[in-house]
Amino acid sequence: MLLGDLMARFEDETVALEALVNLGDLPLTVRVQDRGAEVGMTPGSFIGSCVRRYVEQASNEEWTTLFGLLSQAVDPGSSFLRRALSQAV
């Protein structure tokens, strides 16, 4: 799967929320839910917003780090999502 396709998947709120739950990171899940509620967004829409922001604002150094992580990841989608959300919350 291409990175662009991966990012586009997170535009679907249901897919985004399911991916978050599948990370199995309860503290991150709670932070995402809380931060989304603070700005009046559902968790799924907040995740999509975080992914878009990450793609638009990540520095060249961040992209280099991300590509290194993705090249070693068993599940690149989860690695990408975790990185994007951790930057946002």
PDB file of N, CA and C in Angstrom:
ATOM      1  N   MET A   1       0.847  -1.174   0.000  1.00  0.00           N
ATOM      2  CA  MET A   1       0.000   0.000   0.000  1.00  0.00           C
ATOM      3  C   MET A   1       0.898   1.245   0.000  1.00  0.00           C
ATOM      4  N   LEU A   2       0.557   2.194  -0.818  1.00  0.00           N
ATOM      5  CA  LEU A   2       1.303   3.445  -0.889  1.00  0.00           C
ATOM      6  C   LEU A   2       0.972   4.328   0.311  1.00  0.00           C
ATOM      7  N   LEU A   3       1.915   5.177   0.666  1.00  0.00           N
ATOM      8  CA  LEU A   3       1.714   6.052   1.823  1.00  0.00           C
ATOM      9  C   LEU A   3       0.488   6.936   1.640  1.00  0.00           C
ATOM     10  N   GLY A   4       0.282   7.454   0.450  1.00  0.00           N
ATOM     11  CA  GLY A   4      -0.896   8.288   0.195  1.00  0.00           C
ATOM     12  C   GLY A   4      -2.192   7.536   0.415  1.00  0.00           C
ATOM     13  N   ASP A   5      -2.215   6.275   0.002  1.00  0.00           N
ATOM     14  CA  ASP A   5      -3.404   5.440   0.226  1.00  0.00           C
ATOM     15  C   ASP A   5      -3.620   5.216   1.716  1.00  0.00           C
ATOM     16  N   LEU A   6      -2.537   5.001   2.415  1.00  0.00           N
ATOM     17  CA  LEU A   6      -2.603   4.791   3.858  1.00  0.00           C
ATOM     18  C   LEU A   6      -3.183   6.019   4.552  1.00  0.00           C
ATOM     19  N   MET A   7      -2.693   7.189   4.185  1.00  0.00           N
ATOM     20  CA  MET A   7      -3.180   8.424   4.794  1.00  0.00           C
ATOM     21  C   MET A   7      -4.654   8.647   4.464  1.00  0.00           C
ATOM     22  N   ALA A   8      -5.045   8.341   3.246  1.00  0.00           N
ATOM     23  CA  ALA A   8      -6.432   8.543   2.834  1.00  0.00           C
ATOM     24  C   ALA A   8      -7.390   7.654   3.624  1.00  0.00           C
ATOM     25  N   ARG A   9      -6.951   6.482   4.022  1.00  0.00           N
ATOM     26  CA  ARG A   9      -7.807   5.579   4.797  1.00  0.00           C
ATOM     27  C   ARG A   9      -8.269   6.234   6.095  1.00  0.00           C
ATOM     28  N   PHE A  10      -7.429   7.065   6.685  1.00  0.00           N
ATOM     29  CA  PHE A  10      -7.757   7.677   7.967  1.00  0.00           C
ATOM     30  C   PHE A  10      -8.756   8.828   7.840  1.00  0.00           C
ATOM     31  N   GLU A  11      -9.163   9.147   6.619  1.00  0.00           N
ATOM     32  CA  GLU A  11     -10.225  10.137   6.416  1.00  0.00           C
ATOM     33  C   GLU A  11     -11.590   9.540   6.761  1.00  0.00           C
ATOM     34  N   ASP A  12     -11.694   8.223   6.714  1.00  0.00           N
ATOM     35  CA  ASP A  12     -12.924   7.530   7.082  1.00  0.00           C
ATOM     36  C   ASP A  12     -12.936   7.401   8.605  1.00  0.00           C
ATOM     37  N   GLU A  13     -13.896   8.049   9.253  1.00  0.00           N
ATOM     38  CA  GLU A  13     -13.939   8.085  10.719  1.00  0.00           C
ATOM     39  C   GLU A  13     -13.974   6.698  11.343  1.00  0.00           C
ATOM     40  N   THR A  14     -14.717   5.800  10.743  1.00  0.00           N
ATOM     41  CA  THR A  14     -14.830   4.447  11.295  1.00  0.00           C
ATOM     42  C   THR A  14     -13.492   3.718  11.205  1.00  0.00           C
ATOM     43  N   VAL A  15     -12.844   3.814  10.072  1.00  0.00           N
ATOM     44  CA  VAL A  15     -11.533   3.179   9.884  1.00  0.00           C
ATOM     45  C   VAL A  15     -10.523   3.793  10.847  1.00  0.00           C
ATOM     46  N   ALA A  16     -10.557   5.113  10.980  1.00  0.00           N
ATOM     47  CA  ALA A  16      -9.616   5.804  11.858  1.00  0.00           C
ATOM     48  C   ALA A  16      -9.788   5.371  13.312  1.00  0.00           C
ATOM     49  N   LEU A  17     -11.030   5.311  13.765  1.00  0.00           N
ATOM     50  CA  LEU A  17     -11.282   4.917  15.149  1.00  0.00           C
ATOM     51  C   LEU A  17     -10.896   3.458  15.382  1.00  0.00           C
ATOM     52  N   GLU A  18     -11.203   2.609  14.433  1.00  0.00           N
ATOM     53  CA  GLU A  18     -10.831   1.199  14.541  1.00  0.00           C
ATOM     54  C   GLU A  18      -9.309   1.049  14.595  1.00  0.00           C
ATOM     55  N   ALA A  19      -8.607   1.818  13.787  1.00  0.00           N
ATOM     56  CA  ALA A  19      -7.142   1.760  13.786  1.00  0.00           C
ATOM     57  C   ALA A  19      -6.584   2.214  15.134  1.00  0.00           C
ATOM     58  N   LEU A  20      -7.188   3.244  15.712  1.00  0.00           N
ATOM     59  CA  LEU A  20      -6.755   3.714  17.024  1.00  0.00           C
ATOM     60  C   LEU A  20      -6.941   2.630  18.075  1.00  0.00           C
ATOM     61  N   VAL A  21      -8.096   2.017  18.099  1.00  0.00           N
ATOM     62  CA  VAL A  21      -8.377   0.950  19.062  1.00  0.00           C
ATOM     63  C   VAL A  21      -7.403  -0.211  18.866  1.00  0.00           C
ATOM     64  N   ASN A  22      -7.107  -0.535  17.617  1.00  0.00           N
ATOM     65  CA  ASN A  22      -6.200  -1.645  17.325  1.00  0.00           C
ATOM     66  C   ASN A  22      -4.757  -1.376  17.746  1.00  0.00           C
ATOM     67  N   LEU A  23      -4.412  -0.115  17.987  1.00  0.00           N
ATOM     68  CA  LEU A  23      -3.076   0.174  18.490  1.00  0.00           C
ATOM     69  C   LEU A  23      -2.874  -0.431  19.879  1.00  0.00           C
ATOM     70  N   GLY A  24      -3.984  -0.567  20.613  1.00  0.00           N
ATOM     71  CA  GLY A  24      -3.898  -1.136  21.953  1.00  0.00           C
ATOM     72  C   GLY A  24      -3.179  -0.235  22.936  1.00  0.00           C
ATOM     73  N   ASP A  25      -3.217   1.060  22.681  1.00  0.00           N
ATOM     74  CA  ASP A  25      -2.542   2.043  23.525  1.00  0.00           C
ATOM     75  C   ASP A  25      -3.621   2.863  24.235  1.00  0.00           C
ATOM     76  N   LEU A  26      -4.037   2.387  25.406  1.00  0.00           N
ATOM     77  CA  LEU A  26      -5.135   3.032  26.127  1.00  0.00           C
ATOM     78  C   LEU A  26      -4.840   4.491  26.479  1.00  0.00           C
ATOM     79  N   PRO A  27      -3.647   4.830  26.975  1.00  0.00           N
ATOM     80  CA  PRO A  27      -3.394   6.247  27.268  1.00  0.00           C
ATOM     81  C   PRO A  27      -3.519   7.145  26.031  1.00  0.00           C
ATOM     82  N   LEU A  28      -3.019   6.681  24.886  1.00  0.00           N
ATOM     83  CA  LEU A  28      -3.145   7.464  23.653  1.00  0.00           C
ATOM     84  C   LEU A  28      -4.605   7.582  23.245  1.00  0.00           C
ATOM     85  N   THR A  29      -5.349   6.509  23.357  1.00  0.00           N
ATOM     86  CA  THR A  29      -6.777   6.523  23.017  1.00  0.00           C
ATOM     87  C   THR A  29      -7.525   7.538  23.869  1.00  0.00           C
ATOM     88  N   VAL A  30      -7.256   7.550  25.160  1.00  0.00           N
ATOM     89  CA  VAL A  30      -7.916   8.503  26.067  1.00  0.00           C
ATOM     90  C   VAL A  30      -7.526   9.930  25.703  1.00  0.00           C
ATOM     91  N   ARG A  31      -6.248  10.170  25.417  1.00  0.00           N
ATOM     92  CA  ARG A  31      -5.814  11.532  25.043  1.00  0.00           C
ATOM     93  C   ARG A  31      -6.498  11.989  23.762  1.00  0.00           C
ATOM     94  N   VAL A  32      -6.617  11.097  22.789  1.00  0.00           N
ATOM     95  CA  VAL A  32      -7.284  11.439  21.527  1.00  0.00           C
ATOM     96  C   VAL A  32      -8.759  11.752  21.778  1.00  0.00           C
ATOM     97  N   GLN A  33      -9.434  10.925  22.548  1.00  0.00           N
ATOM     98  CA  GLN A  33     -10.847  11.165  22.842  1.00  0.00           C
ATOM     99  C   GLN A  33     -11.033  12.477  23.595  1.00  0.00           C
ATOM    100  N   ASP A  34     -10.194  12.725  24.591  1.00  0.00           N
ATOM    101  CA  ASP A  34     -10.310  13.954  25.373  1.00  0.00           C
ATOM    102  C   ASP A  34     -10.033  15.191  24.532  1.00  0.00           C
ATOM    103  N   ARG A  35      -8.977  15.143  23.742  1.00  0.00           N
ATOM    104  CA  ARG A  35      -8.614  16.304  22.924  1.00  0.00           C
ATOM    105  C   ARG A  35      -9.674  16.556  21.849  1.00  0.00           C
ATOM    106  N   GLY A  36     -10.193  15.475  21.265  1.00  0.00           N
ATOM    107  CA  GLY A  36     -11.266  15.625  20.284  1.00  0.00           C
ATOM    108  C   GLY A  36     -12.489  16.277  20.893  1.00  0.00           C
ATOM    109  N   ALA A  37     -12.854  15.837  22.098  1.00  0.00           N
ATOM    110  CA  ALA A  37     -14.010  16.412  22.795  1.00  0.00           C
ATOM    111  C   ALA A  37     -13.778  17.896  23.096  1.00  0.00           C
ATOM    112  N   GLU A  38     -12.556  18.245  23.459  1.00  0.00           N
ATOM    113  CA  GLU A  38     -12.231  19.649  23.763  1.00  0.00           C
ATOM    114  C   GLU A  38     -12.485  20.562  22.575  1.00  0.00           C
ATOM    115  N   VAL A  39     -12.242  20.047  21.365  1.00  0.00           N
ATOM    116  CA  VAL A  39     -12.409  20.873  20.165  1.00  0.00           C
ATOM    117  C   VAL A  39     -13.717  20.568  19.435  1.00  0.00           C
ATOM    118  N   GLY A  40     -14.588  19.771  20.082  1.00  0.00           N
ATOM    119  CA  GLY A  40     -15.908  19.498  19.530  1.00  0.00           C
ATOM    120  C   GLY A  40     -15.927  18.545  18.353  1.00  0.00           C
ATOM    121  N   MET A  41     -15.011  17.580  18.347  1.00  0.00           N
ATOM    122  CA  MET A  41     -14.943  16.619  17.253  1.00  0.00           C
ATOM    123  C   MET A  41     -15.110  15.204  17.790  1.00  0.00           C
ATOM    124  N   THR A  42     -15.664  14.342  16.955  1.00  0.00           N
ATOM    125  CA  THR A  42     -15.702  12.926  17.310  1.00  0.00           C
ATOM    126  C   THR A  42     -14.268  12.398  17.260  1.00  0.00           C
ATOM    127  N   PRO A  43     -13.993  11.306  17.956  1.00  0.00           N
ATOM    128  CA  PRO A  43     -12.630  10.755  17.894  1.00  0.00           C
ATOM    129  C   PRO A  43     -12.190  10.446  16.461  1.00  0.00           C
ATOM    130  N   GLY A  44     -13.075   9.888  15.648  1.00  0.00           N
ATOM    131  CA  GLY A  44     -12.713   9.562  14.271  1.00  0.00           C
ATOM    132  C   GLY A  44     -12.367  10.777  13.440  1.00  0.00           C
ATOM    133  N   SER A  45     -13.153  11.837  13.574  1.00  0.00           N
ATOM    134  CA  SER A  45     -12.852  13.057  12.809  1.00  0.00           C
ATOM    135  C   SER A  45     -11.606  13.742  13.347  1.00  0.00           C
ATOM    136  N   PHE A  46     -11.381  13.655  14.648  1.00  0.00           N
ATOM    137  CA  PHE A  46     -10.171  14.237  15.224  1.00  0.00           C
ATOM    138  C   PHE A  46      -8.932  13.512  14.696  1.00  0.00           C
ATOM    139  N   ILE A  47      -9.008  12.196  14.583  1.00  0.00           N
ATOM    140  CA  ILE A  47      -7.882  11.428  14.044  1.00  0.00           C
ATOM    141  C   ILE A  47      -7.584  11.871  12.618  1.00  0.00           C
ATOM    142  N   GLY A  48      -8.614  11.991  11.796  1.00  0.00           N
ATOM    143  CA  GLY A  48      -8.422  12.460  10.424  1.00  0.00           C
ATOM    144  C   GLY A  48      -7.767  13.825  10.384  1.00  0.00           C
ATOM    145  N   SER A  49      -8.197  14.705  11.270  1.00  0.00           N
ATOM    146  CA  SER A  49      -7.619  16.044  11.357  1.00  0.00           C
ATOM    147  C   SER A  49      -6.140  15.982  11.758  1.00  0.00           C
ATOM    148  N   CYS A  50      -5.820  15.122  12.696  1.00  0.00           N
ATOM    149  CA  CYS A  50      -4.429  14.972  13.143  1.00  0.00           C
ATOM    150  C   CYS A  50      -3.541  14.455  12.020  1.00  0.00           C
ATOM    151  N   VAL A  51      -4.053  13.497  11.266  1.00  0.00           N
ATOM    152  CA  VAL A  51      -3.283  12.942  10.150  1.00  0.00           C
ATOM    153  C   VAL A  51      -3.039  14.015   9.098  1.00  0.00           C
ATOM    154  N   ARG A  52      -4.073  14.773   8.748  1.00  0.00           N
ATOM    155  CA  ARG A  52      -3.903  15.855   7.763  1.00  0.00           C
ATOM    156  C   ARG A  52      -2.889  16.880   8.250  1.00  0.00           C
ATOM    157  N   ARG A  53      -2.989  17.268   9.508  1.00  0.00           N
ATOM    158  CA  ARG A  53      -2.074  18.257  10.064  1.00  0.00           C
ATOM    159  C   ARG A  53      -0.637  17.735  10.040  1.00  0.00           C
ATOM    160  N   TYR A  54      -0.482  16.474  10.403  1.00  0.00           N
ATOM    161  CA  TYR A  54       0.852  15.870  10.401  1.00  0.00           C
ATOM    162  C   TYR A  54       1.449  15.905   8.992  1.00  0.00           C
ATOM    163  N   VAL A  55       0.668  15.504   8.005  1.00  0.00           N
ATOM    164  CA  VAL A  55       1.144  15.472   6.627  1.00  0.00           C
ATOM    165  C   VAL A  55       1.507  16.878   6.146  1.00  0.00           C
ATOM    166  N   GLU A  56       0.706  17.854   6.496  1.00  0.00           N
ATOM    167  CA  GLU A  56       0.926  19.223   6.037  1.00  0.00           C
ATOM    168  C   GLU A  56       2.066  19.931   6.764  1.00  0.00           C
ATOM    169  N   GLN A  57       2.317  19.567   8.026  1.00  0.00           N
ATOM    170  CA  GLN A  57       3.247  20.354   8.833  1.00  0.00           C
ATOM    171  C   GLN A  57       4.530  19.644   9.237  1.00  0.00           C
ATOM    172  N   ALA A  58       4.656  18.358   8.944  1.00  0.00           N
ATOM    173  CA  ALA A  58       5.856  17.632   9.361  1.00  0.00           C
ATOM    174  C   ALA A  58       7.095  18.198   8.662  1.00  0.00           C
ATOM    175  N   SER A  59       8.139  18.326   9.428  1.00  0.00           N
ATOM    176  CA  SER A  59       9.405  18.822   8.883  1.00  0.00           C
ATOM    177  C   SER A  59      10.084  17.731   8.055  1.00  0.00           C
ATOM    178  N   ASN A  60      11.092  18.116   7.312  1.00  0.00           N
ATOM    179  CA  ASN A  60      11.861  17.133   6.545  1.00  0.00           C
ATOM    180  C   ASN A  60      12.491  16.101   7.465  1.00  0.00           C
ATOM    181  N   GLU A  61      12.951  16.530   8.619  1.00  0.00           N
ATOM    182  CA  GLU A  61      13.547  15.614   9.582  1.00  0.00           C
ATOM    183  C   GLU A  61      12.516  14.607  10.101  1.00  0.00           C
ATOM    184  N   GLU A  62      11.306  15.092  10.324  1.00  0.00           N
ATOM    185  CA  GLU A  62      10.235  14.203  10.786  1.00  0.00           C
ATOM    186  C   GLU A  62       9.904  13.162   9.719  1.00  0.00           C
ATOM    187  N   TRP A  63       9.843  13.579   8.454  1.00  0.00           N
ATOM    188  CA  TRP A  63       9.569  12.631   7.378  1.00  0.00           C
ATOM    189  C   TRP A  63      10.674  11.579   7.291  1.00  0.00           C
ATOM    190  N   THR A  64      11.914  12.011   7.445  1.00  0.00           N
ATOM    191  CA  THR A  64      13.033  11.061   7.419  1.00  0.00           C
ATOM    192  C   THR A  64      12.899  10.048   8.544  1.00  0.00           C
ATOM    193  N   THR A  65      12.571  10.534   9.727  1.00  0.00           N
ATOM    194  CA  THR A  65      12.368   9.635  10.869  1.00  0.00           C
ATOM    195  C   THR A  65      11.215   8.682  10.607  1.00  0.00           C
ATOM    196  N   LEU A  66      10.111   9.215  10.102  1.00  0.00           N
ATOM    197  CA  LEU A  66       8.947   8.380   9.819  1.00  0.00           C
ATOM    198  C   LEU A  66       9.280   7.286   8.812  1.00  0.00           C
ATOM    199  N   PHE A  67       9.951   7.639   7.724  1.00  0.00           N
ATOM    200  CA  PHE A  67      10.271   6.633   6.709  1.00  0.00           C
ATOM    201  C   PHE A  67      11.184   5.549   7.283  1.00  0.00           C
ATOM    202  N   GLY A  68      12.090   5.925   8.160  1.00  0.00           N
ATOM    203  CA  GLY A  68      12.925   4.934   8.822  1.00  0.00           C
ATOM    204  C   GLY A  68      12.097   3.982   9.666  1.00  0.00           C
ATOM    205  N   LEU A  69      11.153   4.528  10.415  1.00  0.00           N
ATOM    206  CA  LEU A  69      10.271   3.698  11.239  1.00  0.00           C
ATOM    207  C   LEU A  69       9.398   2.783  10.379  1.00  0.00           C
ATOM    208  N   LEU A  70       8.858   3.335   9.304  1.00  0.00           N
ATOM    209  CA  LEU A  70       7.971   2.552   8.449  1.00  0.00           C
ATOM    210  C   LEU A  70       8.711   1.422   7.747  1.00  0.00           C
ATOM    211  N   SER A  71       9.967   1.654   7.406  1.00  0.00           N
ATOM    212  CA  SER A  71      10.726   0.617   6.699  1.00  0.00           C
ATOM    213  C   SER A  71      10.996  -0.595   7.583  1.00  0.00           C
ATOM    214  N   GLN A  72      10.929  -0.411   8.901  1.00  0.00           N
ATOM    215  CA  GLN A  72      11.191  -1.499   9.837  1.00  0.00           C
ATOM    216  C   GLN A  72       9.913  -2.040  10.481  1.00  0.00           C
ATOM    217  N   ALA A  73       8.800  -1.409  10.206  1.00  0.00           N
ATOM    218  CA  ALA A  73       7.551  -1.743  10.892  1.00  0.00           C
ATOM    219  C   ALA A  73       6.885  -2.977  10.304  1.00  0.00           C
ATOM    220  N   VAL A  74       6.333  -3.789  11.174  1.00  0.00           N
ATOM    221  CA  VAL A  74       5.512  -4.925  10.754  1.00  0.00           C
ATOM    222  C   VAL A  74       4.184  -4.396  10.214  1.00  0.00           C
ATOM    223  N   ASP A  75       3.646  -3.363  10.855  1.00  0.00           N
ATOM    224  CA  ASP A  75       2.382  -2.749  10.448  1.00  0.00           C
ATOM    225  C   ASP A  75       2.615  -1.247  10.238  1.00  0.00           C
ATOM    226  N   PRO A  76       3.008  -0.846   9.018  1.00  0.00           N
ATOM    227  CA  PRO A  76       3.304   0.563   8.761  1.00  0.00           C
ATOM    228  C   PRO A  76       2.140   1.503   9.066  1.00  0.00           C
ATOM    229  N   GLY A  77       0.913   1.061   8.832  1.00  0.00           N
ATOM    230  CA  GLY A  77      -0.244   1.915   9.106  1.00  0.00           C
ATOM    231  C   GLY A  77      -0.348   2.278  10.569  1.00  0.00           C
ATOM    232  N   SER A  78      -0.153   1.306  11.430  1.00  0.00           N
ATOM    233  CA  SER A  78      -0.200   1.565  12.872  1.00  0.00           C
ATOM    234  C   SER A  78       0.950   2.470  13.302  1.00  0.00           C
ATOM    235  N   SER A  79       2.117   2.224  12.741  1.00  0.00           N
ATOM    236  CA  SER A  79       3.284   3.058  13.081  1.00  0.00           C
ATOM    237  C   SER A  79       3.061   4.503  12.665  1.00  0.00           C
ATOM    238  N   PHE A  80       2.519   4.688  11.456  1.00  0.00           N
ATOM    239  CA  PHE A  80       2.225   6.028  10.973  1.00  0.00           C
ATOM    240  C   PHE A  80       1.199   6.718  11.869  1.00  0.00           C
ATOM    241  N   LEU A  81       0.116   6.016  12.175  1.00  0.00           N
ATOM    242  CA  LEU A  81      -0.947   6.610  12.991  1.00  0.00           C
ATOM    243  C   LEU A  81      -0.431   6.976  14.375  1.00  0.00           C
ATOM    244  N   ARG A  82       0.310   6.080  14.988  1.00  0.00           N
ATOM    245  CA  ARG A  82       0.850   6.356  16.322  1.00  0.00           C
ATOM    246  C   ARG A  82       1.730   7.609  16.297  1.00  0.00           C
ATOM    247  N   ARG A  83       2.562   7.733  15.270  1.00  0.00           N
ATOM    248  CA  ARG A  83       3.461   8.887  15.171  1.00  0.00           C
ATOM    249  C   ARG A  83       2.653  10.178  14.978  1.00  0.00           C
ATOM    250  N   ALA A  84       1.679  10.152  14.086  1.00  0.00           N
ATOM    251  CA  ALA A  84       0.875  11.349  13.811  1.00  0.00           C
ATOM    252  C   ALA A  84       0.094  11.773  15.047  1.00  0.00           C
ATOM    253  N   LEU A  85      -0.504  10.819  15.741  1.00  0.00           N
ATOM    254  CA  LEU A  85      -1.301  11.152  16.927  1.00  0.00           C
ATOM    255  C   LEU A  85      -0.411  11.603  18.089  1.00  0.00           C
ATOM    256  N   SER A  86       0.721  10.974  18.246  1.00  0.00           N
ATOM    257  CA  SER A  86       1.622  11.363  19.344  1.00  0.00           C
ATOM    258  C   SER A  86       2.108  12.786  19.163  1.00  0.00           C
ATOM    259  N   GLN A  87       2.297  13.208  17.911  1.00  0.00           N
ATOM    260  CA  GLN A  87       2.708  14.581  17.646  1.00  0.00           C
ATOM    261  C   GLN A  87       1.569  15.563  17.988  1.00  0.00           C
ATOM    262  N   ALA A  88       0.334  15.111  17.820  1.00  0.00           N
ATOM    263  CA  ALA A  88      -0.826  15.995  17.977  1.00  0.00           C
ATOM    264  C   ALA A  88      -1.296  16.126  19.412  1.00  0.00           C
ATOM    265  N   VAL A  89      -1.160  15.067  20.190  1.00  0.00           N
ATOM    266  CA  VAL A  89      -1.666  15.105  21.564  1.00  0.00           C
ATOM    267  C   VAL A  89      -0.512  14.969  22.483  1.00  0.00           C
TER     268      VAL A  89
END
